[in-house]
Amino acid sequence: MEDLALMANQNHRIQTLLLTENETGNSNKAPKLLTLDDYPHWKYRFEIHINGVDTNLWMMIEGVHCY
């Protein structure tokens, strides 16, 4: 019985981790926009992600000329 409880706890932790990663992204993946209501918060997280990858890339997205 303890084994089942341990497996359920581990499954819950994995699900929580995957959901959090989808919402916030990580250093290799951009955050996902899950609902349109979350757009302002997603935009902020996405900008942080792109700036972490390459500051010039975000400036290009914003339309700023960079060389």
N, C-alpha and C. Protein backbone atom coordinates (compact mmCIF):
# COMPACT_ATOMS: atom_id res chain seq x y z
N MET A 1 0.82 -1.19 0.00
CA MET A 1 0.00 0.00 0.00
C MET A 1 0.87 1.26 0.00
N GLU A 2 1.98 1.21 0.74
CA GLU A 2 2.88 2.36 0.77
C GLU A 2 3.47 2.64 -0.59
N ASP A 3 3.72 1.57 -1.35
CA ASP A 3 4.28 1.73 -2.69
C ASP A 3 3.32 2.50 -3.59
N LEU A 4 2.04 2.21 -3.49
CA LEU A 4 1.04 2.91 -4.30
C LEU A 4 0.97 4.39 -3.92
N ALA A 5 1.04 4.67 -2.64
CA ALA A 5 1.01 6.06 -2.17
C ALA A 5 2.25 6.81 -2.65
N LEU A 6 3.39 6.15 -2.62
CA LEU A 6 4.64 6.77 -3.09
C LEU A 6 4.57 7.05 -4.59
N MET A 7 4.05 6.08 -5.36
CA MET A 7 3.92 6.28 -6.81
C MET A 7 2.95 7.41 -7.12
N ALA A 8 1.85 7.49 -6.40
CA ALA A 8 0.87 8.56 -6.63
C ALA A 8 1.49 9.91 -6.32
N ASN A 9 2.27 9.99 -5.26
CA ASN A 9 2.93 11.24 -4.89
C ASN A 9 3.93 11.65 -5.97
N GLN A 10 4.70 10.69 -6.48
CA GLN A 10 5.68 10.99 -7.53
C GLN A 10 4.98 11.43 -8.81
N ASN A 11 3.88 10.77 -9.16
CA ASN A 11 3.12 11.17 -10.35
C ASN A 11 2.59 12.59 -10.22
N HIS A 12 2.10 12.92 -9.02
CA HIS A 12 1.60 14.28 -8.79
C HIS A 12 2.72 15.30 -8.95
N ARG A 13 3.89 15.00 -8.42
CA ARG A 13 5.04 15.92 -8.55
C ARG A 13 5.43 16.11 -10.01
N ILE A 14 5.43 15.03 -10.78
CA ILE A 14 5.79 15.12 -12.20
C ILE A 14 4.76 15.96 -12.95
N GLN A 15 3.47 15.73 -12.68
CA GLN A 15 2.42 16.52 -13.34
C GLN A 15 2.54 18.00 -13.01
N THR A 16 2.82 18.30 -11.76
CA THR A 16 2.99 19.69 -11.34
C THR A 16 4.18 20.33 -12.04
N LEU A 17 5.28 19.61 -12.13
CA LEU A 17 6.47 20.11 -12.80
C LEU A 17 6.20 20.37 -14.28
N LEU A 18 5.53 19.45 -14.94
CA LEU A 18 5.23 19.63 -16.37
C LEU A 18 4.28 20.80 -16.60
N LEU A 19 3.29 20.96 -15.77
CA LEU A 19 2.37 22.09 -15.91
C LEU A 19 3.09 23.40 -15.69
N THR A 20 3.94 23.46 -14.67
CA THR A 20 4.70 24.68 -14.40
C THR A 20 5.63 24.99 -15.56
N GLU A 21 6.28 24.00 -16.13
CA GLU A 21 7.19 24.21 -17.24
C GLU A 21 6.43 24.73 -18.46
N ASN A 22 5.22 24.21 -18.71
CA ASN A 22 4.42 24.70 -19.83
C ASN A 22 4.06 26.16 -19.64
N GLU A 23 3.76 26.56 -18.42
CA GLU A 23 3.35 27.93 -18.17
C GLU A 23 4.52 28.90 -18.21
N THR A 24 5.64 28.49 -17.63
CA THR A 24 6.74 29.43 -17.50
C THR A 24 7.86 29.21 -18.49
N GLY A 25 7.92 28.03 -19.12
CA GLY A 25 9.02 27.72 -20.01
C GLY A 25 10.26 27.38 -19.21
N ASN A 26 11.35 27.24 -19.90
CA ASN A 26 12.64 27.03 -19.24
C ASN A 26 13.70 27.63 -20.14
N SER A 27 14.96 27.39 -19.86
CA SER A 27 16.01 28.04 -20.64
C SER A 27 16.03 27.57 -22.10
N ASN A 28 15.44 26.40 -22.37
CA ASN A 28 15.44 25.87 -23.73
C ASN A 28 14.12 26.07 -24.47
N LYS A 29 13.04 26.26 -23.74
CA LYS A 29 11.72 26.39 -24.36
C LYS A 29 11.03 27.66 -23.90
N ALA A 30 10.38 28.32 -24.83
CA ALA A 30 9.62 29.52 -24.49
C ALA A 30 8.35 29.13 -23.74
N PRO A 31 7.83 30.03 -22.90
CA PRO A 31 6.57 29.73 -22.20
C PRO A 31 5.43 29.65 -23.21
N LYS A 32 4.44 28.84 -22.88
CA LYS A 32 3.28 28.68 -23.76
C LYS A 32 2.14 29.57 -23.29
N LEU A 33 1.43 30.11 -24.25
CA LEU A 33 0.22 30.89 -23.96
C LEU A 33 -0.92 29.89 -23.85
N LEU A 34 -1.45 29.69 -22.65
CA LEU A 34 -2.48 28.69 -22.43
C LEU A 34 -3.88 29.24 -22.63
N THR A 35 -4.10 30.51 -22.29
CA THR A 35 -5.39 31.16 -22.51
C THR A 35 -5.14 32.62 -22.89
N LEU A 36 -6.07 33.19 -23.63
CA LEU A 36 -5.92 34.60 -24.02
C LEU A 36 -5.98 35.53 -22.82
N ASP A 37 -6.68 35.11 -21.78
CA ASP A 37 -6.75 35.93 -20.57
C ASP A 37 -5.38 36.12 -19.93
N ASP A 38 -4.47 35.19 -20.20
CA ASP A 38 -3.13 35.23 -19.60
C ASP A 38 -2.13 35.98 -20.49
N TYR A 39 -2.59 36.58 -21.59
CA TYR A 39 -1.68 37.19 -22.55
C TYR A 39 -0.71 38.21 -21.93
N PRO A 40 -1.16 39.18 -21.12
CA PRO A 40 -0.21 40.17 -20.59
C PRO A 40 0.92 39.52 -19.78
N HIS A 41 0.57 38.55 -18.95
CA HIS A 41 1.59 37.87 -18.14
C HIS A 41 2.50 37.02 -19.03
N TRP A 42 1.91 36.32 -20.03
CA TRP A 42 2.69 35.51 -20.97
C TRP A 42 3.68 36.39 -21.75
N LYS A 43 3.22 37.55 -22.22
CA LYS A 43 4.07 38.44 -23.00
C LYS A 43 5.32 38.82 -22.19
N TYR A 44 5.11 39.13 -20.92
CA TYR A 44 6.23 39.48 -20.04
C TYR A 44 7.20 38.31 -19.91
N ARG A 45 6.68 37.08 -19.67
CA ARG A 45 7.54 35.90 -19.55
C ARG A 45 8.25 35.61 -20.87
N PHE A 46 7.55 35.80 -21.99
CA PHE A 46 8.14 35.54 -23.30
C PHE A 46 9.28 36.52 -23.57
N GLU A 47 9.08 37.78 -23.24
CA GLU A 47 10.14 38.78 -23.42
C GLU A 47 11.37 38.42 -22.60
N ILE A 48 11.17 38.00 -21.37
CA ILE A 48 12.29 37.59 -20.53
C ILE A 48 13.02 36.40 -21.15
N HIS A 49 12.26 35.44 -21.67
CA HIS A 49 12.87 34.27 -22.30
C HIS A 49 13.71 34.67 -23.52
N ILE A 50 13.15 35.49 -24.40
CA ILE A 50 13.87 35.90 -25.61
C ILE A 50 15.10 36.73 -25.25
N ASN A 51 14.98 37.62 -24.29
CA ASN A 51 16.15 38.39 -23.85
C ASN A 51 17.24 37.49 -23.30
N GLY A 52 16.84 36.41 -22.65
CA GLY A 52 17.83 35.46 -22.15
C GLY A 52 18.52 34.69 -23.26
N VAL A 53 17.81 34.48 -24.35
CA VAL A 53 18.39 33.78 -25.50
C VAL A 53 19.32 34.72 -26.26
N ASP A 54 18.81 35.91 -26.58
CA ASP A 54 19.59 36.87 -27.37
C ASP A 54 18.91 38.24 -27.30
N THR A 55 19.55 39.20 -26.68
CA THR A 55 18.97 40.54 -26.53
C THR A 55 18.69 41.17 -27.89
N ASN A 56 19.56 40.96 -28.84
CA ASN A 56 19.34 41.53 -30.17
C ASN A 56 18.10 40.95 -30.84
N LEU A 57 17.79 39.71 -30.55
CA LEU A 57 16.59 39.09 -31.11
C LEU A 57 15.34 39.81 -30.64
N TRP A 58 15.26 40.13 -29.34
CA TRP A 58 14.09 40.86 -28.85
C TRP A 58 14.02 42.24 -29.48
N MET A 59 15.14 42.89 -29.65
CA MET A 59 15.13 44.22 -30.27
C MET A 59 14.63 44.12 -31.71
N MET A 60 14.96 43.04 -32.40
CA MET A 60 14.47 42.85 -33.76
C MET A 60 12.95 42.63 -33.75
N ILE A 61 12.46 41.87 -32.78
CA ILE A 61 11.02 41.64 -32.67
C ILE A 61 10.30 42.95 -32.41
N GLU A 62 10.88 43.79 -31.57
CA GLU A 62 10.28 45.08 -31.25
C GLU A 62 10.43 46.08 -32.41
N GLY A 63 11.24 45.77 -33.39
CA GLY A 63 11.43 46.66 -34.52
C GLY A 63 12.55 47.66 -34.36
N VAL A 64 13.42 47.43 -33.37
CA VAL A 64 14.57 48.31 -33.16
C VAL A 64 15.72 47.79 -34.01
N HIS A 65 16.37 48.69 -34.74
CA HIS A 65 17.51 48.27 -35.56
C HIS A 65 18.72 48.06 -34.67
N CYS A 66 19.35 46.90 -34.82
CA CYS A 66 20.56 46.61 -34.03
C CYS A 66 21.58 45.96 -34.95
N TYR A 67 22.80 46.30 -34.72
CA TYR A 67 23.88 45.77 -35.57
C TYR A 67 24.97 45.20 -34.72
